[in-house]
Amino acid sequence: MTIFVDMDEVIADAYMAHIDIYNQEFNANLQLKDCFGKEAWQCVPVEHQQSIKLHTHRVGFFKDLKVIPDSQEVLRELSQKHEVFIASAAMEFPQSLREKSDWLDEFFPFIPWQKRILCGDKFILKGDLLIDDRSKNLKNFDGRTIMFTSPHNTNTTDFERADTWKDIADKLL
């Protein structure tokens, strides 16, 4: 089986990074629980929204992301049984290419560079399964799709869902 796995919000916690940066820079107390069903920028006053939208354009944003719990262990097991590729729409933020590659080297060294797809649009992916947090990527995939839960997609009901990597393990291992 060929499995494609997204990075941001699936194995790398970009959402919480937005909240942490926002709280630090604006001396705020934005909580994850306040963000369900919304993008992080939609959870702050209008005058601060552009600041959050620009986080991903900052040098260093992607290199410091925390790993989503259990993703390393489950992906290691999956990669021993299946063809696992990391597929990230990294071209939207060109400075992220190196940071994402270095991050994968550090936290997912068992997935070699040859199995990393840093692309612009995921419609080009052809395989058996796509695990992603964005419906725009899942709806155009021809194979099985699993939506990985992130605060922004909690109201989306159109896809098979996994809330955690333990859920992924239960479905695929």
N, C-alpha and C. Protein backbone atom coordinates (compact mmCIF):
# COMPACT_ATOMS: atom_id res chain seq x y z
N MET A 1 0.84 -1.18 0.00
CA MET A 1 0.00 0.00 0.00
C MET A 1 0.89 1.24 0.00
N THR A 2 0.50 2.24 -0.78
CA THR A 2 1.19 3.52 -0.82
C THR A 2 0.41 4.53 0.01
N ILE A 3 1.07 5.06 1.03
CA ILE A 3 0.44 5.98 1.97
C ILE A 3 1.14 7.34 1.90
N PHE A 4 0.36 8.39 1.73
CA PHE A 4 0.88 9.76 1.77
C PHE A 4 0.42 10.39 3.09
N VAL A 5 1.35 11.06 3.77
CA VAL A 5 1.06 11.68 5.05
C VAL A 5 1.47 13.15 4.98
N ASP A 6 0.53 14.01 5.29
CA ASP A 6 0.79 15.45 5.35
C ASP A 6 1.67 15.75 6.56
N MET A 7 2.31 16.92 6.56
CA MET A 7 3.15 17.32 7.70
C MET A 7 2.39 18.19 8.69
N ASP A 8 2.09 19.43 8.28
CA ASP A 8 1.52 20.42 9.20
C ASP A 8 0.14 19.98 9.68
N GLU A 9 -0.01 19.91 10.98
CA GLU A 9 -1.24 19.50 11.67
C GLU A 9 -1.48 18.00 11.62
N VAL A 10 -0.56 17.23 11.06
CA VAL A 10 -0.70 15.79 11.04
C VAL A 10 0.47 15.15 11.79
N ILE A 11 1.69 15.57 11.48
CA ILE A 11 2.84 15.10 12.26
C ILE A 11 3.58 16.25 12.93
N ALA A 12 3.34 17.49 12.46
CA ALA A 12 3.99 18.68 13.02
C ALA A 12 2.92 19.65 13.50
N ASP A 13 3.02 20.08 14.75
CA ASP A 13 1.96 20.89 15.36
C ASP A 13 2.12 22.39 15.06
N ALA A 14 1.74 22.78 13.86
CA ALA A 14 1.81 24.18 13.47
C ALA A 14 0.72 25.01 14.15
N TYR A 15 -0.43 24.42 14.39
CA TYR A 15 -1.54 25.18 14.99
C TYR A 15 -1.15 25.71 16.36
N MET A 16 -0.60 24.84 17.20
CA MET A 16 -0.21 25.27 18.55
C MET A 16 0.94 26.27 18.48
N ALA A 17 1.79 26.15 17.47
CA ALA A 17 2.88 27.12 17.30
C ALA A 17 2.31 28.51 17.05
N HIS A 18 1.26 28.59 16.23
CA HIS A 18 0.61 29.88 16.01
C HIS A 18 0.10 30.47 17.32
N ILE A 19 -0.55 29.66 18.12
CA ILE A 19 -1.09 30.13 19.40
C ILE A 19 0.04 30.58 20.33
N ASP A 20 1.09 29.77 20.41
CA ASP A 20 2.21 30.12 21.30
C ASP A 20 2.87 31.43 20.89
N ILE A 21 3.12 31.60 19.60
CA ILE A 21 3.74 32.84 19.12
C ILE A 21 2.82 34.03 19.38
N TYR A 22 1.55 33.86 19.07
CA TYR A 22 0.59 34.95 19.29
C TYR A 22 0.56 35.35 20.77
N ASN A 23 0.44 34.36 21.65
CA ASN A 23 0.38 34.66 23.08
C ASN A 23 1.63 35.38 23.57
N GLN A 24 2.77 34.96 23.06
CA GLN A 24 4.02 35.58 23.47
C GLN A 24 4.12 37.02 22.95
N GLU A 25 3.81 37.22 21.70
CA GLU A 25 3.98 38.54 21.09
C GLU A 25 2.94 39.56 21.54
N PHE A 26 1.76 39.10 21.89
CA PHE A 26 0.70 40.04 22.27
C PHE A 26 0.33 39.91 23.75
N ASN A 27 1.14 39.18 24.50
CA ASN A 27 0.89 38.98 25.92
C ASN A 27 -0.57 38.57 26.14
N ALA A 28 -1.00 37.59 25.34
CA ALA A 28 -2.39 37.14 25.34
C ALA A 28 -2.49 35.77 26.01
N ASN A 29 -3.71 35.28 26.08
CA ASN A 29 -3.95 33.97 26.68
C ASN A 29 -4.91 33.16 25.81
N LEU A 30 -4.66 33.15 24.51
CA LEU A 30 -5.48 32.36 23.60
C LEU A 30 -5.29 30.88 23.93
N GLN A 31 -6.39 30.16 24.04
CA GLN A 31 -6.37 28.74 24.37
C GLN A 31 -6.84 27.92 23.18
N LEU A 32 -6.31 26.73 23.05
CA LEU A 32 -6.70 25.83 21.96
C LEU A 32 -8.21 25.61 21.96
N LYS A 33 -8.79 25.45 23.12
CA LYS A 33 -10.24 25.19 23.24
C LYS A 33 -11.09 26.33 22.66
N ASP A 34 -10.50 27.50 22.51
CA ASP A 34 -11.22 28.65 21.95
C ASP A 34 -11.22 28.64 20.42
N CYS A 35 -10.54 27.69 19.83
CA CYS A 35 -10.29 27.73 18.39
C CYS A 35 -10.99 26.65 17.58
N PHE A 36 -11.75 25.78 18.20
CA PHE A 36 -12.36 24.68 17.45
C PHE A 36 -13.28 25.20 16.35
N GLY A 37 -13.07 24.67 15.15
CA GLY A 37 -13.85 25.07 14.00
C GLY A 37 -13.33 26.31 13.29
N LYS A 38 -12.15 26.80 13.70
CA LYS A 38 -11.62 28.03 13.12
C LYS A 38 -10.12 27.89 12.84
N GLU A 39 -9.66 28.69 11.89
CA GLU A 39 -8.23 28.86 11.71
C GLU A 39 -7.72 29.71 12.87
N ALA A 40 -6.46 29.57 13.22
CA ALA A 40 -5.92 30.32 14.36
C ALA A 40 -6.11 31.82 14.19
N TRP A 41 -5.92 32.34 12.98
CA TRP A 41 -6.05 33.78 12.77
C TRP A 41 -7.47 34.26 13.00
N GLN A 42 -8.46 33.37 12.89
CA GLN A 42 -9.86 33.75 13.09
C GLN A 42 -10.23 33.87 14.57
N CYS A 43 -9.32 33.50 15.45
CA CYS A 43 -9.58 33.46 16.89
C CYS A 43 -9.05 34.69 17.63
N VAL A 44 -8.52 35.63 16.90
CA VAL A 44 -7.90 36.80 17.53
C VAL A 44 -8.56 38.07 17.01
N PRO A 45 -8.36 39.20 17.69
CA PRO A 45 -8.93 40.47 17.21
C PRO A 45 -8.45 40.78 15.78
N VAL A 46 -9.30 41.44 15.04
CA VAL A 46 -9.02 41.76 13.63
C VAL A 46 -7.65 42.41 13.46
N GLU A 47 -7.28 43.29 14.37
CA GLU A 47 -6.00 44.00 14.23
C GLU A 47 -4.78 43.09 14.41
N HIS A 48 -4.98 41.86 14.89
CA HIS A 48 -3.87 40.92 15.08
C HIS A 48 -3.88 39.78 14.04
N GLN A 49 -4.91 39.70 13.25
CA GLN A 49 -5.04 38.57 12.32
C GLN A 49 -3.91 38.48 11.31
N GLN A 50 -3.49 39.60 10.76
CA GLN A 50 -2.41 39.58 9.77
C GLN A 50 -1.12 39.06 10.37
N SER A 51 -0.88 39.37 11.61
CA SER A 51 0.32 38.87 12.29
C SER A 51 0.36 37.35 12.29
N ILE A 52 -0.75 36.72 12.62
CA ILE A 52 -0.80 35.25 12.63
C ILE A 52 -0.65 34.71 11.22
N LYS A 53 -1.28 35.34 10.25
CA LYS A 53 -1.18 34.87 8.86
C LYS A 53 0.27 34.91 8.37
N LEU A 54 1.08 35.79 8.93
CA LEU A 54 2.47 35.91 8.49
C LEU A 54 3.44 35.00 9.25
N HIS A 55 2.99 34.31 10.29
CA HIS A 55 3.88 33.40 11.03
C HIS A 55 4.58 32.42 10.09
N THR A 56 3.84 31.83 9.17
CA THR A 56 4.40 30.79 8.30
C THR A 56 5.41 31.34 7.29
N HIS A 57 5.49 32.65 7.16
CA HIS A 57 6.46 33.26 6.26
C HIS A 57 7.77 33.58 6.98
N ARG A 58 7.80 33.39 8.27
CA ARG A 58 8.99 33.70 9.06
C ARG A 58 10.04 32.60 8.93
N VAL A 59 11.27 33.02 8.82
CA VAL A 59 12.37 32.06 8.87
C VAL A 59 12.37 31.44 10.26
N GLY A 60 12.42 30.12 10.32
CA GLY A 60 12.47 29.41 11.59
C GLY A 60 11.14 28.85 12.06
N PHE A 61 10.02 29.29 11.48
CA PHE A 61 8.73 28.82 11.96
C PHE A 61 8.62 27.30 11.89
N PHE A 62 8.98 26.72 10.76
CA PHE A 62 8.76 25.28 10.56
C PHE A 62 9.81 24.41 11.25
N LYS A 63 10.97 24.96 11.55
CA LYS A 63 12.03 24.14 12.15
C LYS A 63 11.79 23.85 13.62
N ASP A 64 10.94 24.65 14.27
CA ASP A 64 10.73 24.50 15.71
C ASP A 64 9.40 23.85 16.08
N LEU A 65 8.68 23.30 15.12
CA LEU A 65 7.38 22.71 15.42
C LEU A 65 7.53 21.45 16.27
N LYS A 66 6.57 21.27 17.16
CA LYS A 66 6.56 20.07 18.00
C LYS A 66 5.97 18.91 17.20
N VAL A 67 6.38 17.71 17.55
CA VAL A 67 5.89 16.51 16.89
C VAL A 67 4.52 16.15 17.47
N ILE A 68 3.58 15.80 16.61
CA ILE A 68 2.26 15.35 17.06
C ILE A 68 2.46 14.02 17.80
N PRO A 69 1.88 13.87 18.99
CA PRO A 69 2.09 12.66 19.79
C PRO A 69 1.80 11.37 19.03
N ASP A 70 2.68 10.41 19.24
CA ASP A 70 2.59 9.04 18.70
C ASP A 70 2.83 8.93 17.20
N SER A 71 3.02 10.05 16.49
CA SER A 71 3.20 9.98 15.04
C SER A 71 4.50 9.26 14.68
N GLN A 72 5.55 9.47 15.43
CA GLN A 72 6.83 8.82 15.11
C GLN A 72 6.71 7.30 15.20
N GLU A 73 6.16 6.83 16.29
CA GLU A 73 6.07 5.38 16.50
C GLU A 73 5.17 4.72 15.46
N VAL A 74 4.00 5.31 15.21
CA VAL A 74 3.06 4.72 14.26
C VAL A 74 3.62 4.78 12.84
N LEU A 75 4.21 5.90 12.47
CA LEU A 75 4.78 5.99 11.12
C LEU A 75 5.96 5.03 10.93
N ARG A 76 6.74 4.83 11.98
CA ARG A 76 7.84 3.86 11.89
C ARG A 76 7.27 2.46 11.58
N GLU A 77 6.23 2.08 12.30
CA GLU A 77 5.60 0.77 12.06
C GLU A 77 4.98 0.70 10.66
N LEU A 78 4.27 1.73 10.27
CA LEU A 78 3.67 1.74 8.94
C LEU A 78 4.72 1.65 7.85
N SER A 79 5.83 2.36 8.04
CA SER A 79 6.88 2.37 7.01
C SER A 79 7.58 1.02 6.88
N GLN A 80 7.47 0.18 7.89
CA GLN A 80 8.05 -1.17 7.80
C GLN A 80 7.15 -2.11 7.01
N LYS A 81 5.88 -1.75 6.86
CA LYS A 81 4.91 -2.62 6.18
C LYS A 81 4.43 -2.06 4.85
N HIS A 82 4.56 -0.75 4.66
CA HIS A 82 3.99 -0.08 3.49
C HIS A 82 4.97 0.95 2.94
N GLU A 83 4.64 1.46 1.75
CA GLU A 83 5.39 2.57 1.17
C GLU A 83 4.81 3.86 1.75
N VAL A 84 5.55 4.52 2.63
CA VAL A 84 5.07 5.73 3.28
C VAL A 84 5.85 6.93 2.73
N PHE A 85 5.11 7.92 2.28
CA PHE A 85 5.68 9.17 1.78
C PHE A 85 5.14 10.32 2.61
N ILE A 86 6.00 11.27 2.90
CA ILE A 86 5.55 12.53 3.49
C ILE A 86 5.26 13.47 2.33
N ALA A 87 4.06 14.04 2.31
CA ALA A 87 3.65 14.94 1.23
C ALA A 87 3.17 16.25 1.83
N SER A 88 3.93 17.30 1.61
CA SER A 88 3.61 18.60 2.18
C SER A 88 3.57 19.66 1.09
N ALA A 89 2.53 20.48 1.13
CA ALA A 89 2.41 21.58 0.16
C ALA A 89 3.34 22.72 0.57
N ALA A 90 4.62 22.48 0.49
CA ALA A 90 5.63 23.40 1.01
C ALA A 90 5.90 24.59 0.10
N MET A 91 5.52 24.52 -1.14
CA MET A 91 5.85 25.59 -2.08
C MET A 91 5.13 26.90 -1.75
N GLU A 92 4.06 26.84 -0.99
CA GLU A 92 3.36 28.06 -0.58
C GLU A 92 4.28 28.94 0.28
N PHE A 93 5.19 28.29 0.99
CA PHE A 93 6.15 28.98 1.86
C PHE A 93 7.55 28.48 1.49
N PRO A 94 8.16 29.03 0.42
CA PRO A 94 9.42 28.50 -0.10
C PRO A 94 10.53 28.38 0.93
N GLN A 95 10.59 29.28 1.91
CA GLN A 95 11.64 29.18 2.93
C GLN A 95 11.45 27.94 3.79
N SER A 96 10.26 27.35 3.74
CA SER A 96 9.98 26.17 4.57
C SER A 96 10.63 24.90 4.03
N LEU A 97 11.03 24.89 2.78
CA LEU A 97 11.57 23.66 2.18
C LEU A 97 12.73 23.10 2.99
N ARG A 98 13.71 23.91 3.27
CA ARG A 98 14.87 23.45 4.04
C ARG A 98 14.49 23.11 5.47
N GLU A 99 13.67 23.96 6.07
CA GLU A 99 13.26 23.72 7.46
C GLU A 99 12.48 22.43 7.60
N LYS A 100 11.58 22.17 6.65
CA LYS A 100 10.80 20.93 6.72
C LYS A 100 11.69 19.71 6.50
N SER A 101 12.61 19.81 5.56
CA SER A 101 13.53 18.70 5.32
C SER A 101 14.40 18.42 6.54
N ASP A 102 14.94 19.48 7.15
CA ASP A 102 15.76 19.32 8.36
C ASP A 102 14.93 18.76 9.51
N TRP A 103 13.69 19.21 9.64
CA TRP A 103 12.80 18.74 10.70
C TRP A 103 12.53 17.24 10.53
N LEU A 104 12.27 16.83 9.29
CA LEU A 104 12.06 15.41 9.03
C LEU A 104 13.32 14.60 9.32
N ASP A 105 14.49 15.14 8.96
CA ASP A 105 15.75 14.45 9.29
C ASP A 105 15.87 14.21 10.78
N GLU A 106 15.48 15.21 11.56
CA GLU A 106 15.61 15.10 13.01
C GLU A 106 14.59 14.16 13.64
N PHE A 107 13.32 14.28 13.24
CA PHE A 107 12.27 13.56 13.93
C PHE A 107 11.75 12.31 13.21
N PHE A 108 11.98 12.20 11.92
CA PHE A 108 11.52 11.05 11.14
C PHE A 108 12.64 10.54 10.23
N PRO A 109 13.81 10.26 10.79
CA PRO A 109 14.95 9.86 9.95
C PRO A 109 14.72 8.54 9.22
N PHE A 110 13.76 7.75 9.66
CA PHE A 110 13.45 6.47 9.02
C PHE A 110 12.66 6.65 7.73
N ILE A 111 12.23 7.87 7.45
CA ILE A 111 11.60 8.18 6.15
C ILE A 111 12.64 8.97 5.36
N PRO A 112 13.31 8.32 4.42
CA PRO A 112 14.43 8.97 3.71
C PRO A 112 13.97 10.08 2.76
N TRP A 113 14.90 10.90 2.36
CA TRP A 113 14.59 12.03 1.48
C TRP A 113 13.89 11.60 0.20
N GLN A 114 14.16 10.38 -0.26
CA GLN A 114 13.53 9.90 -1.48
C GLN A 114 12.02 9.70 -1.33
N LYS A 115 11.55 9.68 -0.09
CA LYS A 115 10.12 9.48 0.17
C LYS A 115 9.49 10.72 0.78
N ARG A 116 10.02 11.87 0.38
CA ARG A 116 9.49 13.16 0.82
C ARG A 116 9.08 13.95 -0.41
N ILE A 117 7.84 14.38 -0.43
CA ILE A 117 7.33 15.15 -1.55
C ILE A 117 6.94 16.52 -1.03
N LEU A 118 7.75 17.51 -1.36
CA LEU A 118 7.46 18.89 -0.97
C LEU A 118 6.97 19.57 -2.23
N CYS A 119 5.65 19.74 -2.31
CA CYS A 119 5.02 20.12 -3.57
C CYS A 119 4.19 21.39 -3.44
N GLY A 120 3.52 21.74 -4.54
CA GLY A 120 2.63 22.88 -4.54
C GLY A 120 1.19 22.46 -4.32
N ASP A 121 0.71 21.50 -5.09
CA ASP A 121 -0.67 21.04 -5.02
C ASP A 121 -0.68 19.53 -4.94
N LYS A 122 -1.44 18.99 -4.03
CA LYS A 122 -1.43 17.54 -3.80
C LYS A 122 -2.30 16.75 -4.77
N PHE A 123 -2.95 17.43 -5.72
CA PHE A 123 -3.77 16.70 -6.68
C PHE A 123 -2.94 15.71 -7.50
N ILE A 124 -1.63 15.92 -7.55
CA ILE A 124 -0.75 15.04 -8.32
C ILE A 124 -0.51 13.69 -7.65
N LEU A 125 -0.84 13.55 -6.38
CA LEU A 125 -0.57 12.33 -5.65
C LEU A 125 -1.48 11.20 -6.12
N LYS A 126 -0.88 10.06 -6.40
CA LYS A 126 -1.62 8.87 -6.80
C LYS A 126 -1.16 7.73 -5.91
N GLY A 127 -2.06 7.19 -5.13
CA GLY A 127 -1.71 6.11 -4.22
C GLY A 127 -2.95 5.55 -3.57
N ASP A 128 -2.75 4.81 -2.49
CA ASP A 128 -3.86 4.12 -1.84
C ASP A 128 -4.51 4.92 -0.72
N LEU A 129 -3.73 5.76 -0.02
CA LEU A 129 -4.24 6.45 1.16
C LEU A 129 -3.57 7.80 1.33
N LEU A 130 -4.37 8.80 1.70
CA LEU A 130 -3.86 10.12 2.06
C LEU A 130 -4.38 10.47 3.45
N ILE A 131 -3.45 10.79 4.35
CA ILE A 131 -3.79 11.26 5.70
C ILE A 131 -3.45 12.75 5.71
N ASP A 132 -4.46 13.59 5.90
CA ASP A 132 -4.28 15.04 5.78
C ASP A 132 -5.30 15.73 6.67
N ASP A 133 -5.05 16.97 7.01
CA ASP A 133 -6.00 17.74 7.82
C ASP A 133 -6.86 18.67 6.98
N ARG A 134 -6.58 18.78 5.71
CA ARG A 134 -7.29 19.74 4.85
C ARG A 134 -8.23 19.03 3.87
N SER A 135 -9.50 19.40 3.91
CA SER A 135 -10.49 18.80 3.02
C SER A 135 -10.16 19.07 1.55
N LYS A 136 -9.55 20.24 1.26
CA LYS A 136 -9.21 20.56 -0.14
C LYS A 136 -8.23 19.54 -0.72
N ASN A 137 -7.38 18.95 0.10
CA ASN A 137 -6.46 17.92 -0.37
C ASN A 137 -7.14 16.56 -0.44
N LEU A 138 -7.97 16.27 0.54
CA LEU A 138 -8.62 14.96 0.61
C LEU A 138 -9.66 14.78 -0.49
N LYS A 139 -10.40 15.83 -0.81
CA LYS A 139 -11.50 15.69 -1.77
C LYS A 139 -11.01 15.36 -3.18
N ASN A 140 -9.78 15.73 -3.52
CA ASN A 140 -9.25 15.46 -4.86
C ASN A 140 -8.43 14.19 -4.96
N PHE A 141 -8.31 13.45 -3.85
CA PHE A 141 -7.50 12.23 -3.85
C PHE A 141 -8.36 11.05 -4.28
N ASP A 142 -7.82 10.21 -5.17
CA ASP A 142 -8.59 9.09 -5.72
C ASP A 142 -8.70 7.88 -4.79
N GLY A 143 -7.79 7.75 -3.84
CA GLY A 143 -7.81 6.60 -2.95
C GLY A 143 -8.56 6.88 -1.66
N ARG A 144 -8.30 6.05 -0.67
CA ARG A 144 -8.89 6.22 0.66
C ARG A 144 -8.32 7.47 1.31
N THR A 145 -9.15 8.18 2.05
CA THR A 145 -8.70 9.38 2.74
C THR A 145 -9.04 9.29 4.23
N ILE A 146 -8.15 9.83 5.04
CA ILE A 146 -8.41 9.96 6.47
C ILE A 146 -8.09 11.41 6.84
N MET A 147 -9.09 12.08 7.41
CA MET A 147 -8.88 13.44 7.89
C MET A 147 -8.31 13.35 9.30
N PHE A 148 -7.13 13.95 9.48
CA PHE A 148 -6.53 14.00 10.81
C PHE A 148 -7.06 15.24 11.51
N THR A 149 -7.60 15.05 12.69
CA THR A 149 -8.24 16.14 13.41
C THR A 149 -7.26 17.22 13.81
N SER A 150 -7.65 18.45 13.49
CA SER A 150 -6.95 19.66 13.88
C SER A 150 -8.04 20.63 14.31
N PRO A 151 -7.74 21.60 15.16
CA PRO A 151 -8.79 22.51 15.60
C PRO A 151 -9.60 23.11 14.45
N HIS A 152 -8.94 23.45 13.36
CA HIS A 152 -9.65 24.12 12.26
C HIS A 152 -10.66 23.23 11.55
N ASN A 153 -10.53 21.90 11.64
CA ASN A 153 -11.42 21.03 10.86
C ASN A 153 -12.43 20.26 11.71
N THR A 154 -12.61 20.66 12.95
CA THR A 154 -13.49 19.88 13.84
C THR A 154 -14.94 19.83 13.38
N ASN A 155 -15.38 20.78 12.56
CA ASN A 155 -16.76 20.78 12.08
C ASN A 155 -16.92 20.09 10.73
N THR A 156 -15.84 19.60 10.17
CA THR A 156 -15.91 18.92 8.87
C THR A 156 -16.30 17.47 9.09
N THR A 157 -17.32 17.02 8.37
CA THR A 157 -17.84 15.67 8.58
C THR A 157 -17.82 14.81 7.32
N ASP A 158 -17.20 15.27 6.26
CA ASP A 158 -17.26 14.59 4.97
C ASP A 158 -16.28 13.43 4.81
N PHE A 159 -15.41 13.20 5.77
CA PHE A 159 -14.33 12.23 5.59
C PHE A 159 -14.21 11.29 6.78
N GLU A 160 -13.65 10.12 6.51
CA GLU A 160 -13.24 9.25 7.60
C GLU A 160 -12.24 10.04 8.44
N ARG A 161 -12.30 9.90 9.76
CA ARG A 161 -11.51 10.76 10.64
C ARG A 161 -10.66 9.94 11.60
N ALA A 162 -9.52 10.54 11.94
CA ALA A 162 -8.66 10.02 13.02
C ALA A 162 -8.32 11.21 13.91
N ASP A 163 -8.60 11.07 15.20
CA ASP A 163 -8.31 12.15 16.14
C ASP A 163 -6.87 12.11 16.64
N THR A 164 -6.27 10.93 16.63
CA THR A 164 -4.91 10.74 17.15
C THR A 164 -4.18 9.74 16.28
N TRP A 165 -2.87 9.64 16.52
CA TRP A 165 -2.09 8.62 15.81
C TRP A 165 -2.40 7.22 16.32
N LYS A 166 -2.91 7.11 17.54
CA LYS A 166 -3.37 5.79 18.01
C LYS A 166 -4.59 5.35 17.20
N ASP A 167 -5.45 6.30 16.81
CA ASP A 167 -6.57 5.98 15.92
C ASP A 167 -6.05 5.49 14.58
N ILE A 168 -5.02 6.14 14.06
CA ILE A 168 -4.42 5.70 12.79
C ILE A 168 -3.89 4.27 12.94
N ALA A 169 -3.20 4.00 14.03
CA ALA A 169 -2.67 2.65 14.28
C ALA A 169 -3.81 1.63 14.31
N ASP A 170 -4.90 1.96 14.97
CA ASP A 170 -6.04 1.04 15.04
C ASP A 170 -6.63 0.77 13.67
N LYS A 171 -6.60 1.75 12.79
CA LYS A 171 -7.17 1.59 11.45
C LYS A 171 -6.24 0.85 10.50
N LEU A 172 -4.91 1.03 10.69
CA LEU A 172 -3.99 0.57 9.65
C LEU A 172 -2.98 -0.50 10.08
N LEU A 173 -2.80 -0.71 11.36
CA LEU A 173 -1.80 -1.70 11.79
C LEU A 173 -2.45 -2.96 12.33
